[in-house]
N, C-alpha and C. Protein backbone atom coordinates (compact mmCIF):
# COMPACT_ATOMS: atom_id res chain seq x y z
N UNK A 1 0.83 -1.20 0.00
CA UNK A 1 0.00 0.00 0.00
C UNK A 1 0.86 1.26 0.00
N UNK A 2 1.94 1.23 0.78
CA UNK A 2 2.84 2.38 0.82
C UNK A 2 3.45 2.63 -0.56
N UNK A 3 3.85 1.54 -1.23
CA UNK A 3 4.44 1.67 -2.56
C UNK A 3 3.43 2.24 -3.55
N UNK A 4 2.16 1.83 -3.41
CA UNK A 4 1.12 2.33 -4.30
C UNK A 4 0.88 3.82 -4.07
N UNK A 5 0.86 4.23 -2.81
CA UNK A 5 0.67 5.65 -2.48
C UNK A 5 1.82 6.48 -3.05
N UNK A 6 3.04 5.96 -2.91
CA UNK A 6 4.21 6.67 -3.44
C UNK A 6 4.13 6.78 -4.96
N UNK A 7 3.71 5.70 -5.61
CA UNK A 7 3.58 5.72 -7.08
C UNK A 7 2.54 6.74 -7.51
N UNK A 8 1.40 6.76 -6.83
CA UNK A 8 0.34 7.70 -7.18
C UNK A 8 0.80 9.14 -6.96
N UNK A 9 1.56 9.37 -5.89
CA UNK A 9 2.05 10.72 -5.62
C UNK A 9 3.00 11.17 -6.71
N UNK A 10 3.93 10.30 -7.09
CA UNK A 10 4.89 10.64 -8.15
C UNK A 10 4.18 10.87 -9.48
N UNK A 11 3.19 10.04 -9.77
CA UNK A 11 2.44 10.17 -11.02
C UNK A 11 1.66 11.46 -11.03
N UNK A 12 1.07 11.81 -9.89
CA UNK A 12 0.30 13.05 -9.79
C UNK A 12 1.19 14.26 -10.01
N UNK A 13 2.38 14.26 -9.41
CA UNK A 13 3.30 15.38 -9.57
C UNK A 13 3.76 15.52 -11.01
N UNK A 14 4.01 14.38 -11.67
CA UNK A 14 4.44 14.42 -13.06
C UNK A 14 3.34 14.93 -13.96
N UNK A 15 2.12 14.44 -13.75
CA UNK A 15 1.00 14.89 -14.58
C UNK A 15 0.67 16.35 -14.30
N UNK A 16 0.88 16.80 -13.07
CA UNK A 16 0.58 18.20 -12.74
C UNK A 16 1.38 19.15 -13.62
N UNK A 17 2.64 18.83 -13.89
CA UNK A 17 3.47 19.73 -14.68
C UNK A 17 3.33 19.48 -16.18
N UNK A 18 2.83 18.31 -16.56
CA UNK A 18 2.73 17.98 -17.98
C UNK A 18 1.44 18.46 -18.62
N UNK A 19 0.34 18.47 -17.88
CA UNK A 19 -0.94 18.85 -18.46
C UNK A 19 -1.66 19.83 -17.53
N UNK A 20 -2.60 20.55 -18.11
CA UNK A 20 -3.34 21.53 -17.33
C UNK A 20 -3.08 22.93 -17.87
N UNK A 21 -3.68 23.95 -17.26
CA UNK A 21 -3.48 25.33 -17.72
C UNK A 21 -2.01 25.73 -17.71
N UNK A 22 -1.52 26.20 -18.84
CA UNK A 22 -0.11 26.55 -18.97
C UNK A 22 0.67 25.52 -19.75
N UNK A 23 0.08 24.36 -20.00
CA UNK A 23 0.74 23.35 -20.83
C UNK A 23 0.55 23.75 -22.28
N UNK A 24 1.54 24.43 -22.82
CA UNK A 24 1.43 24.90 -24.20
C UNK A 24 2.82 25.02 -24.83
N UNK A 25 2.82 25.04 -26.14
CA UNK A 25 4.06 25.21 -26.90
C UNK A 25 4.10 26.61 -27.47
N UNK A 26 5.13 27.35 -27.11
CA UNK A 26 5.30 28.69 -27.65
C UNK A 26 5.96 28.61 -29.02
N UNK A 27 5.59 29.46 -29.93
CA UNK A 27 6.23 29.45 -31.26
C UNK A 27 7.70 29.81 -31.16
N UNK A 28 8.46 29.42 -32.17
CA UNK A 28 9.91 29.61 -32.14
C UNK A 28 10.29 31.09 -32.13
N UNK A 29 9.38 31.96 -32.53
CA UNK A 29 9.68 33.39 -32.54
C UNK A 29 9.81 33.97 -31.13
N UNK A 30 9.18 33.30 -30.16
CA UNK A 30 9.27 33.78 -28.78
C UNK A 30 10.64 33.41 -28.21
N UNK A 31 11.37 34.42 -27.75
CA UNK A 31 12.73 34.20 -27.27
C UNK A 31 12.88 34.34 -25.77
N UNK A 32 11.90 34.98 -25.11
CA UNK A 32 12.02 35.21 -23.68
C UNK A 32 10.70 35.69 -23.13
N UNK A 33 10.43 35.35 -21.86
CA UNK A 33 9.26 35.86 -21.15
C UNK A 33 9.71 36.58 -19.89
N UNK A 34 8.99 37.60 -19.52
CA UNK A 34 9.27 38.32 -18.29
C UNK A 34 7.98 38.56 -17.53
N UNK A 35 8.05 38.44 -16.21
CA UNK A 35 6.88 38.64 -15.37
C UNK A 35 7.27 39.55 -14.22
N UNK A 36 6.50 40.59 -14.01
CA UNK A 36 6.79 41.58 -12.97
C UNK A 36 5.56 41.79 -12.12
N UNK A 37 5.72 41.69 -10.79
CA UNK A 37 4.59 41.88 -9.88
C UNK A 37 5.12 42.12 -8.47
N UNK A 38 4.21 42.45 -7.57
CA UNK A 38 4.59 42.73 -6.19
C UNK A 38 4.63 41.46 -5.36
N UNK A 39 5.46 41.46 -4.33
CA UNK A 39 5.48 40.36 -3.38
C UNK A 39 4.19 40.31 -2.58
N UNK A 40 3.51 41.44 -2.46
CA UNK A 40 2.27 41.52 -1.71
C UNK A 40 1.10 41.04 -2.56
N UNK A 41 0.15 40.36 -1.92
CA UNK A 41 -1.00 39.83 -2.63
C UNK A 41 -2.01 40.91 -2.97
N UNK A 42 -2.02 41.97 -2.17
CA UNK A 42 -3.02 43.01 -2.36
C UNK A 42 -2.64 43.91 -3.53
N UNK A 43 -3.59 44.75 -3.91
CA UNK A 43 -3.31 45.72 -4.96
C UNK A 43 -3.36 45.15 -6.37
N UNK A 44 -4.03 44.00 -6.55
CA UNK A 44 -4.17 43.43 -7.89
C UNK A 44 -3.05 42.51 -8.31
N UNK A 45 -2.27 41.98 -7.34
CA UNK A 45 -1.13 41.13 -7.68
C UNK A 45 -1.37 39.64 -7.39
N UNK A 46 -2.57 39.29 -6.93
CA UNK A 46 -2.85 37.89 -6.64
C UNK A 46 -2.82 37.03 -7.91
N UNK A 47 -3.47 37.52 -8.97
CA UNK A 47 -3.50 36.78 -10.23
C UNK A 47 -2.11 36.52 -10.79
N UNK A 48 -1.25 37.55 -10.88
CA UNK A 48 0.11 37.32 -11.35
C UNK A 48 0.88 36.33 -10.48
N UNK A 49 0.67 36.38 -9.16
CA UNK A 49 1.35 35.43 -8.27
C UNK A 49 0.90 34.00 -8.55
N UNK A 50 -0.42 33.80 -8.74
CA UNK A 50 -0.94 32.46 -9.03
C UNK A 50 -0.48 31.97 -10.40
N UNK A 51 -0.41 32.88 -11.36
CA UNK A 51 0.10 32.51 -12.68
C UNK A 51 1.55 32.04 -12.55
N UNK A 52 2.33 32.75 -11.77
CA UNK A 52 3.74 32.41 -11.54
C UNK A 52 3.88 31.03 -10.89
N UNK A 53 3.07 30.76 -9.89
CA UNK A 53 3.21 29.52 -9.13
C UNK A 53 2.58 28.32 -9.82
N UNK A 54 1.44 28.52 -10.47
CA UNK A 54 0.65 27.38 -10.96
C UNK A 54 0.81 27.12 -12.44
N UNK A 55 1.04 28.14 -13.26
CA UNK A 55 1.06 27.95 -14.70
C UNK A 55 2.44 28.08 -15.32
N UNK A 56 3.25 28.94 -14.77
CA UNK A 56 4.59 29.14 -15.33
C UNK A 56 5.43 27.87 -15.30
N UNK A 57 5.34 27.03 -14.25
CA UNK A 57 6.10 25.77 -14.28
C UNK A 57 5.76 24.89 -15.48
N UNK A 58 4.48 24.87 -15.87
CA UNK A 58 4.09 24.06 -17.04
C UNK A 58 4.63 24.68 -18.32
N UNK A 59 4.54 26.02 -18.40
CA UNK A 59 5.09 26.69 -19.58
C UNK A 59 6.56 26.39 -19.72
N UNK A 60 7.29 26.46 -18.62
CA UNK A 60 8.73 26.20 -18.64
C UNK A 60 9.03 24.74 -18.96
N UNK A 61 8.22 23.83 -18.45
CA UNK A 61 8.43 22.40 -18.69
C UNK A 61 8.36 22.09 -20.18
N UNK A 62 7.41 22.70 -20.87
CA UNK A 62 7.21 22.40 -22.29
C UNK A 62 8.04 23.30 -23.21
N UNK A 63 8.65 24.32 -22.66
CA UNK A 63 9.49 25.24 -23.45
C UNK A 63 10.81 25.49 -22.71
N UNK A 64 11.60 24.45 -22.50
CA UNK A 64 12.79 24.56 -21.64
C UNK A 64 13.87 25.50 -22.17
N UNK A 65 13.86 25.79 -23.46
CA UNK A 65 14.92 26.64 -24.01
C UNK A 65 14.58 28.13 -23.95
N UNK A 66 13.35 28.44 -23.57
CA UNK A 66 12.94 29.85 -23.50
C UNK A 66 13.17 30.38 -22.10
N UNK A 67 14.06 31.35 -21.93
CA UNK A 67 14.32 31.89 -20.59
C UNK A 67 13.12 32.68 -20.06
N UNK A 68 12.98 32.62 -18.75
CA UNK A 68 11.90 33.34 -18.08
C UNK A 68 12.51 34.16 -16.95
N UNK A 69 12.21 35.45 -16.94
CA UNK A 69 12.74 36.33 -15.92
C UNK A 69 11.61 36.84 -15.04
N UNK A 70 11.74 36.64 -13.72
CA UNK A 70 10.74 37.08 -12.77
C UNK A 70 11.30 38.24 -11.96
N UNK A 71 10.56 39.31 -11.89
CA UNK A 71 10.95 40.46 -11.09
C UNK A 71 9.84 40.76 -10.08
N UNK A 72 10.21 40.78 -8.79
CA UNK A 72 9.23 41.06 -7.74
C UNK A 72 9.66 42.30 -6.97
N UNK A 73 8.74 43.20 -6.78
CA UNK A 73 9.04 44.42 -6.02
C UNK A 73 8.18 44.44 -4.77
N UNK A 74 8.38 45.47 -3.95
CA UNK A 74 7.71 45.55 -2.65
C UNK A 74 6.54 46.53 -2.62
N UNK A 75 6.11 47.01 -3.77
CA UNK A 75 5.11 48.06 -3.81
C UNK A 75 3.76 47.53 -4.30
N UNK A 76 2.76 47.42 -3.40
CA UNK A 76 1.44 46.94 -3.83
C UNK A 76 0.81 47.79 -4.92
N UNK A 77 1.14 49.08 -4.92
CA UNK A 77 0.59 49.97 -5.95
C UNK A 77 1.43 49.98 -7.22
N UNK A 78 2.51 49.20 -7.21
CA UNK A 78 3.40 49.15 -8.36
C UNK A 78 2.83 48.32 -9.49
N UNK A 79 3.56 48.23 -10.60
CA UNK A 79 3.05 47.56 -11.80
C UNK A 79 3.03 46.05 -11.70
N UNK A 80 2.16 45.45 -12.48
CA UNK A 80 2.15 44.01 -12.71
C UNK A 80 2.11 43.84 -14.22
N UNK A 81 3.20 43.30 -14.78
CA UNK A 81 3.35 43.30 -16.24
C UNK A 81 3.84 41.95 -16.74
N UNK A 82 3.38 41.59 -17.92
CA UNK A 82 3.87 40.42 -18.63
C UNK A 82 4.62 40.92 -19.86
N UNK A 83 5.91 40.59 -19.95
CA UNK A 83 6.73 40.99 -21.09
C UNK A 83 6.96 39.79 -21.99
N UNK A 84 6.73 39.96 -23.26
CA UNK A 84 6.94 38.89 -24.24
C UNK A 84 7.97 39.38 -25.26
N UNK A 85 9.09 38.68 -25.32
CA UNK A 85 10.15 39.03 -26.26
C UNK A 85 10.12 38.05 -27.44
N UNK A 86 10.33 38.57 -28.62
CA UNK A 86 10.35 37.73 -29.81
C UNK A 86 11.66 37.96 -30.56
N UNK A 87 11.83 37.23 -31.63
CA UNK A 87 13.06 37.35 -32.42
C UNK A 87 13.20 38.73 -33.05
N UNK A 88 12.11 39.51 -33.04
CA UNK A 88 12.18 40.87 -33.55
C UNK A 88 12.41 41.88 -32.44
N UNK A 89 12.40 41.40 -31.16
CA UNK A 89 12.66 42.29 -30.04
C UNK A 89 14.13 42.63 -29.99
N UNK A 90 14.44 43.80 -29.48
CA UNK A 90 15.85 44.20 -29.36
C UNK A 90 16.43 43.71 -28.05
N UNK A 91 16.53 42.39 -27.94
CA UNK A 91 17.09 41.76 -26.74
C UNK A 91 18.42 41.14 -27.14
N UNK A 92 19.54 41.81 -26.99
CA UNK A 92 20.81 41.34 -27.52
C UNK A 92 21.42 40.16 -26.79
N UNK A 93 21.03 39.95 -25.54
CA UNK A 93 21.68 38.90 -24.76
C UNK A 93 20.66 37.96 -24.19
N UNK A 94 20.48 36.76 -24.77
CA UNK A 94 19.54 35.80 -24.21
C UNK A 94 19.96 35.41 -22.80
N UNK A 95 18.97 35.24 -21.94
CA UNK A 95 19.27 34.83 -20.57
C UNK A 95 19.44 33.33 -20.51
N UNK A 96 19.80 32.86 -19.29
CA UNK A 96 19.96 31.41 -19.11
C UNK A 96 18.60 30.76 -19.28
N UNK A 97 18.61 29.46 -19.51
CA UNK A 97 17.35 28.76 -19.79
C UNK A 97 16.52 28.55 -18.55
N UNK A 98 17.07 28.77 -17.37
CA UNK A 98 16.31 28.60 -16.15
C UNK A 98 15.43 29.81 -15.89
N UNK A 99 14.43 29.62 -15.01
CA UNK A 99 13.64 30.75 -14.56
C UNK A 99 14.49 31.54 -13.58
N UNK A 100 14.74 32.78 -13.87
CA UNK A 100 15.52 33.61 -12.97
C UNK A 100 14.59 34.53 -12.21
N UNK A 101 14.82 34.64 -10.91
CA UNK A 101 13.98 35.44 -10.04
C UNK A 101 14.83 36.48 -9.34
N UNK A 102 14.39 37.71 -9.37
CA UNK A 102 15.10 38.75 -8.65
C UNK A 102 14.10 39.65 -7.98
N UNK A 103 14.50 40.25 -6.88
CA UNK A 103 13.63 41.13 -6.13
C UNK A 103 14.08 42.56 -6.30
N UNK A 104 13.13 43.45 -6.53
CA UNK A 104 13.43 44.85 -6.60
C UNK A 104 12.63 45.56 -5.54
N UNK A 105 12.90 46.81 -5.29
CA UNK A 105 12.16 47.57 -4.30
C UNK A 105 11.57 48.80 -4.95
N UNK A 106 10.78 49.51 -4.16
CA UNK A 106 10.12 50.69 -4.70
C UNK A 106 11.11 51.79 -5.08
N UNK A 107 12.34 51.69 -4.56
CA UNK A 107 13.32 52.72 -4.83
C UNK A 107 14.13 52.44 -6.09
N UNK A 108 13.79 51.38 -6.82
CA UNK A 108 14.50 51.05 -8.04
C UNK A 108 14.39 52.20 -9.03
N UNK A 109 15.50 52.70 -9.53
CA UNK A 109 15.43 53.86 -10.44
C UNK A 109 14.81 53.47 -11.76
N UNK A 110 14.15 54.40 -12.42
CA UNK A 110 13.55 54.10 -13.73
C UNK A 110 14.61 53.84 -14.77
N UNK A 111 14.25 53.06 -15.76
CA UNK A 111 15.19 52.73 -16.82
C UNK A 111 15.38 53.91 -17.76
N UNK A 112 16.58 54.02 -18.29
CA UNK A 112 16.83 55.06 -19.28
C UNK A 112 16.18 54.71 -20.61
N UNK A 113 15.90 53.39 -20.79
CA UNK A 113 15.16 52.94 -21.97
C UNK A 113 13.98 52.12 -21.48
N UNK A 114 12.94 52.77 -20.97
CA UNK A 114 11.85 52.06 -20.30
C UNK A 114 11.02 51.21 -21.24
N UNK A 115 10.31 50.24 -20.64
CA UNK A 115 9.37 49.43 -21.39
C UNK A 115 8.20 50.32 -21.82
N UNK A 116 7.36 49.83 -22.74
CA UNK A 116 6.25 50.65 -23.23
C UNK A 116 5.32 51.13 -22.13
N UNK A 117 5.21 50.40 -21.02
CA UNK A 117 4.36 50.82 -19.92
C UNK A 117 5.23 51.19 -18.72
N UNK A 118 4.61 51.87 -17.76
CA UNK A 118 5.32 52.23 -16.54
C UNK A 118 5.81 50.97 -15.85
N UNK A 119 7.07 50.88 -15.54
CA UNK A 119 7.65 49.70 -14.92
C UNK A 119 8.78 50.10 -14.00
N UNK A 120 8.97 49.29 -12.95
CA UNK A 120 10.06 49.54 -12.02
C UNK A 120 11.30 48.73 -12.37
N UNK A 121 11.27 48.03 -13.48
CA UNK A 121 12.37 47.16 -13.87
C UNK A 121 13.21 47.81 -14.94
N UNK A 122 14.47 48.16 -14.65
CA UNK A 122 15.34 48.68 -15.69
C UNK A 122 15.59 47.61 -16.74
N UNK A 123 15.67 47.98 -18.00
CA UNK A 123 15.93 47.01 -19.04
C UNK A 123 16.60 47.69 -20.22
N UNK A 124 17.43 46.91 -20.89
CA UNK A 124 18.07 47.42 -22.10
C UNK A 124 17.43 46.82 -23.34
N UNK A 125 16.38 46.02 -23.13
CA UNK A 125 15.69 45.38 -24.24
C UNK A 125 14.29 45.93 -24.36
N UNK A 126 13.71 45.78 -25.51
CA UNK A 126 12.33 46.21 -25.74
C UNK A 126 11.49 44.99 -26.09
N UNK A 127 10.56 44.61 -25.20
CA UNK A 127 9.72 43.45 -25.51
C UNK A 127 8.78 43.74 -26.67
N UNK A 128 8.43 42.70 -27.39
CA UNK A 128 7.47 42.86 -28.48
C UNK A 128 6.09 43.19 -27.93
N UNK A 129 5.76 42.65 -26.74
CA UNK A 129 4.48 42.91 -26.09
C UNK A 129 4.72 43.13 -24.61
N UNK A 130 4.11 44.15 -24.06
CA UNK A 130 4.09 44.36 -22.62
C UNK A 130 2.62 44.51 -22.22
N UNK A 131 2.15 43.56 -21.43
CA UNK A 131 0.73 43.48 -21.09
C UNK A 131 0.53 43.84 -19.63
N UNK A 132 -0.38 44.76 -19.38
CA UNK A 132 -0.75 45.12 -18.01
C UNK A 132 -1.64 44.01 -17.45
N UNK A 133 -1.14 43.27 -16.47
CA UNK A 133 -1.88 42.14 -15.91
C UNK A 133 -2.34 42.41 -14.48
N UNK A 134 -2.27 43.64 -14.06
CA UNK A 134 -2.71 43.99 -12.72
C UNK A 134 -4.20 43.74 -12.58
N UNK A 135 -4.58 43.08 -11.51
CA UNK A 135 -5.98 42.73 -11.19
C UNK A 135 -6.54 41.66 -12.13
N UNK A 136 -5.74 41.12 -13.03
CA UNK A 136 -6.20 40.02 -13.89
C UNK A 136 -5.99 38.69 -13.16
N UNK A 137 -6.91 37.74 -13.35
CA UNK A 137 -6.68 36.44 -12.74
C UNK A 137 -5.75 35.62 -13.62
N UNK A 138 -5.32 34.48 -13.10
CA UNK A 138 -4.28 33.71 -13.77
C UNK A 138 -4.73 33.18 -15.13
N UNK A 139 -6.02 32.84 -15.28
CA UNK A 139 -6.51 32.35 -16.57
C UNK A 139 -6.55 33.47 -17.61
N UNK A 140 -6.88 34.67 -17.16
CA UNK A 140 -6.86 35.81 -18.07
C UNK A 140 -5.45 36.10 -18.56
N UNK A 141 -4.48 35.99 -17.65
CA UNK A 141 -3.09 36.22 -18.02
C UNK A 141 -2.64 35.18 -19.04
N UNK A 142 -3.03 33.94 -18.82
CA UNK A 142 -2.68 32.88 -19.76
C UNK A 142 -3.31 33.15 -21.12
N UNK A 143 -4.56 33.59 -21.12
CA UNK A 143 -5.24 33.89 -22.38
C UNK A 143 -4.53 35.03 -23.12
N UNK A 144 -4.04 36.01 -22.38
CA UNK A 144 -3.31 37.12 -22.99
C UNK A 144 -2.02 36.61 -23.64
N UNK A 145 -1.34 35.70 -22.95
CA UNK A 145 -0.10 35.13 -23.50
C UNK A 145 -0.37 34.35 -24.78
N UNK A 146 -1.39 33.52 -24.75
CA UNK A 146 -1.74 32.72 -25.92
C UNK A 146 -2.17 33.61 -27.08
N UNK A 147 -2.96 34.63 -26.79
CA UNK A 147 -3.46 35.53 -27.82
C UNK A 147 -2.32 36.26 -28.54
N UNK A 148 -1.32 36.68 -27.78
CA UNK A 148 -0.25 37.49 -28.36
C UNK A 148 0.87 36.66 -28.98
N UNK A 149 0.95 35.39 -28.64
CA UNK A 149 2.03 34.56 -29.20
C UNK A 149 1.53 33.51 -30.17
N UNK A 150 0.24 33.20 -30.12
CA UNK A 150 -0.27 32.11 -30.95
C UNK A 150 0.20 30.76 -30.44
N UNK A 151 0.40 30.64 -29.15
CA UNK A 151 0.86 29.39 -28.56
C UNK A 151 -0.16 28.28 -28.77
N UNK A 152 0.33 27.05 -28.81
CA UNK A 152 -0.52 25.89 -29.04
C UNK A 152 -0.73 25.15 -27.73
N UNK A 153 -1.98 24.97 -27.34
CA UNK A 153 -2.29 24.25 -26.10
C UNK A 153 -2.00 22.76 -26.28
N UNK A 154 -1.41 22.17 -25.26
CA UNK A 154 -1.09 20.75 -25.28
C UNK A 154 -2.20 19.98 -24.58
N UNK A 155 -2.87 19.13 -25.31
CA UNK A 155 -3.95 18.32 -24.75
C UNK A 155 -3.38 17.05 -24.13
N UNK A 156 -4.10 16.52 -23.18
CA UNK A 156 -3.68 15.27 -22.55
C UNK A 156 -3.81 14.13 -23.55
N UNK A 157 -2.82 13.26 -23.58
CA UNK A 157 -2.87 12.08 -24.43
C UNK A 157 -3.85 11.07 -23.82
N UNK A 158 -4.29 10.07 -24.60
CA UNK A 158 -5.15 9.04 -24.02
C UNK A 158 -4.51 8.36 -22.81
N UNK A 159 -3.19 8.15 -22.87
CA UNK A 159 -2.50 7.54 -21.75
C UNK A 159 -2.56 8.43 -20.52
N UNK A 160 -2.33 9.74 -20.71
CA UNK A 160 -2.38 10.67 -19.58
C UNK A 160 -3.79 10.78 -19.01
N UNK A 161 -4.79 10.77 -19.91
CA UNK A 161 -6.17 10.81 -19.44
C UNK A 161 -6.49 9.57 -18.61
N UNK A 162 -5.97 8.42 -19.04
CA UNK A 162 -6.19 7.18 -18.28
C UNK A 162 -5.49 7.26 -16.92
N UNK A 163 -4.30 7.85 -16.91
CA UNK A 163 -3.56 7.99 -15.65
C UNK A 163 -4.29 8.94 -14.70
N UNK A 164 -4.85 10.02 -15.26
CA UNK A 164 -5.62 10.94 -14.42
C UNK A 164 -6.85 10.25 -13.84
N UNK A 165 -7.51 9.42 -14.66
CA UNK A 165 -8.67 8.68 -14.17
C UNK A 165 -8.26 7.70 -13.08
N UNK A 166 -7.08 7.10 -13.25
CA UNK A 166 -6.58 6.16 -12.24
C UNK A 166 -6.31 6.89 -10.92
N UNK A 167 -5.72 8.07 -11.01
CA UNK A 167 -5.44 8.86 -9.80
C UNK A 167 -6.74 9.26 -9.12
N UNK A 168 -7.73 9.69 -9.93
CA UNK A 168 -9.02 10.10 -9.37
C UNK A 168 -9.69 8.93 -8.66
N UNK A 169 -9.66 7.75 -9.30
CA UNK A 169 -10.26 6.57 -8.69
C UNK A 169 -9.53 6.20 -7.40
N UNK A 170 -8.20 6.31 -7.44
CA UNK A 170 -7.40 6.00 -6.25
C UNK A 170 -7.75 6.96 -5.10
N UNK A 171 -7.89 8.24 -5.41
CA UNK A 171 -8.20 9.23 -4.38
C UNK A 171 -9.58 8.98 -3.77
N UNK A 172 -10.56 8.60 -4.63
CA UNK A 172 -11.90 8.29 -4.13
C UNK A 172 -11.84 7.08 -3.22
N UNK A 173 -11.10 6.05 -3.64
CA UNK A 173 -10.97 4.83 -2.86
C UNK A 173 -10.26 5.10 -1.53
N UNK A 174 -9.23 5.96 -1.61
CA UNK A 174 -8.46 6.28 -0.41
C UNK A 174 -9.30 7.07 0.59
N UNK A 175 -10.10 8.00 0.09
CA UNK A 175 -10.96 8.78 0.98
C UNK A 175 -12.02 7.89 1.62
N UNK A 176 -12.54 6.94 0.86
CA UNK A 176 -13.52 5.99 1.40
C UNK A 176 -12.88 5.17 2.51
N UNK A 177 -11.64 4.75 2.30
CA UNK A 177 -10.93 3.98 3.33
C UNK A 177 -10.72 4.83 4.58
N UNK A 178 -10.38 6.12 4.38
CA UNK A 178 -10.18 7.01 5.53
C UNK A 178 -11.46 7.12 6.36
N UNK A 179 -12.59 7.28 5.67
CA UNK A 179 -13.88 7.40 6.36
C UNK A 179 -14.18 6.13 7.14
N UNK A 180 -13.96 4.98 6.52
CA UNK A 180 -14.22 3.71 7.18
C UNK A 180 -13.33 3.53 8.41
N UNK A 181 -12.07 3.92 8.30
CA UNK A 181 -11.14 3.79 9.43
C UNK A 181 -11.57 4.72 10.56
N UNK A 182 -11.96 5.97 10.21
CA UNK A 182 -12.41 6.90 11.23
C UNK A 182 -13.65 6.38 11.95
N UNK A 183 -14.59 5.84 11.17
CA UNK A 183 -15.81 5.31 11.77
C UNK A 183 -15.51 4.12 12.66
N UNK A 184 -14.58 3.27 12.23
CA UNK A 184 -14.22 2.11 13.02
C UNK A 184 -13.57 2.51 14.34
N UNK A 185 -12.65 3.49 14.27
CA UNK A 185 -11.99 3.97 15.49
C UNK A 185 -12.99 4.64 16.43
N UNK A 186 -13.92 5.41 15.87
CA UNK A 186 -14.92 6.06 16.70
C UNK A 186 -15.81 5.03 17.39
N UNK A 187 -16.17 3.99 16.65
CA UNK A 187 -16.99 2.94 17.22
C UNK A 187 -16.24 2.22 18.35
N UNK A 188 -14.95 1.94 18.13
CA UNK A 188 -14.16 1.27 19.17
C UNK A 188 -14.04 2.15 20.41
N UNK A 189 -13.88 3.47 20.20
CA UNK A 189 -13.79 4.37 21.35
C UNK A 189 -15.09 4.41 22.13
N UNK A 190 -16.21 4.41 21.40
CA UNK A 190 -17.52 4.41 22.07
C UNK A 190 -17.71 3.14 22.88
N UNK A 191 -17.33 2.00 22.28
CA UNK A 191 -17.48 0.72 22.98
C UNK A 191 -16.59 0.66 24.22
N UNK A 192 -15.39 1.21 24.10
CA UNK A 192 -14.49 1.23 25.26
C UNK A 192 -15.04 2.11 26.36
N UNK A 193 -15.64 3.25 25.98
CA UNK A 193 -16.22 4.15 26.96
C UNK A 193 -17.40 3.49 27.67
N UNK A 194 -18.26 2.82 26.88
CA UNK A 194 -19.39 2.12 27.48
C UNK A 194 -18.92 1.02 28.41
N UNK A 195 -17.84 0.34 28.03
CA UNK A 195 -17.30 -0.73 28.87
C UNK A 195 -16.77 -0.16 30.18
N UNK A 196 -16.10 0.99 30.11
CA UNK A 196 -15.58 1.61 31.33
C UNK A 196 -16.72 2.05 32.24
N UNK A 197 -17.79 2.60 31.64
CA UNK A 197 -18.95 3.00 32.45
C UNK A 197 -19.61 1.80 33.11
N UNK A 198 -19.70 0.71 32.32
CA UNK A 198 -20.32 -0.50 32.88
C UNK A 198 -19.50 -1.05 34.04
N UNK A 199 -18.19 -1.03 33.89
CA UNK A 199 -17.32 -1.51 34.98
C UNK A 199 -17.45 -0.62 36.20
N UNK A 200 -17.61 0.64 36.00
CA UNK A 200 -17.78 1.58 37.12
C UNK A 200 -19.07 1.33 37.85
N UNK A 201 -20.15 1.05 37.13
CA UNK A 201 -21.44 0.79 37.74
C UNK A 201 -21.40 -0.49 38.56
N UNK A 202 -20.74 -1.50 38.04
CA UNK A 202 -20.63 -2.76 38.75
C UNK A 202 -19.83 -2.57 40.03
N UNK A 203 -18.74 -1.83 39.95
CA UNK A 203 -17.88 -1.59 41.10
C UNK A 203 -18.63 -0.78 42.15
N UNK A 204 -19.40 0.22 41.74
CA UNK A 204 -20.14 1.04 42.69
C UNK A 204 -21.22 0.23 43.36
N UNK A 205 -21.90 -0.64 42.63
CA UNK A 205 -22.96 -1.47 43.22
C UNK A 205 -22.42 -2.43 44.24
N UNK A 206 -21.18 -2.93 44.00
CA UNK A 206 -20.58 -3.87 44.92
C UNK A 206 -20.24 -3.18 46.23
């Protein structure tokens, strides 16, 4: 049973990154992605944070050669932006293929060559698209990315769909087992309590 639970957990983690929102192929023209938002959840930055945590890993998994740069600042009233660089963007130095994360503060000086929108991130490149994602939820941000790049959504294969069904069935079975175990333990505790009361009554009568 332990081995089965471990297998299901590993399978679930693998499927989580392979399929779902954000599982898409970016066209070859896309050379880099940038995401800028506040560390604070308030001020319209919840959606960008969820996009970063839940969807960006899938995007990166399916597009490992496209660098992703994350910039987080400390200002809730600051910008939340999605930058999309293409082969026509003036980005002379491709970044590493990993997701790079850096923190900026509200005191970050403005760039001498700013992005098309107000931003706290200095840059020497000009993205092909800069999208204001403040107050947008994560699905809206994904839709904006797909719309501007023409990315292709990756559907689950029949094998993956079968694996998802297997995980769902396993979770239902496991929850049923948990309920049965809880009910059994509760019943045993009640019986033990009744037995203790009965023993007390017998002792008191004696």
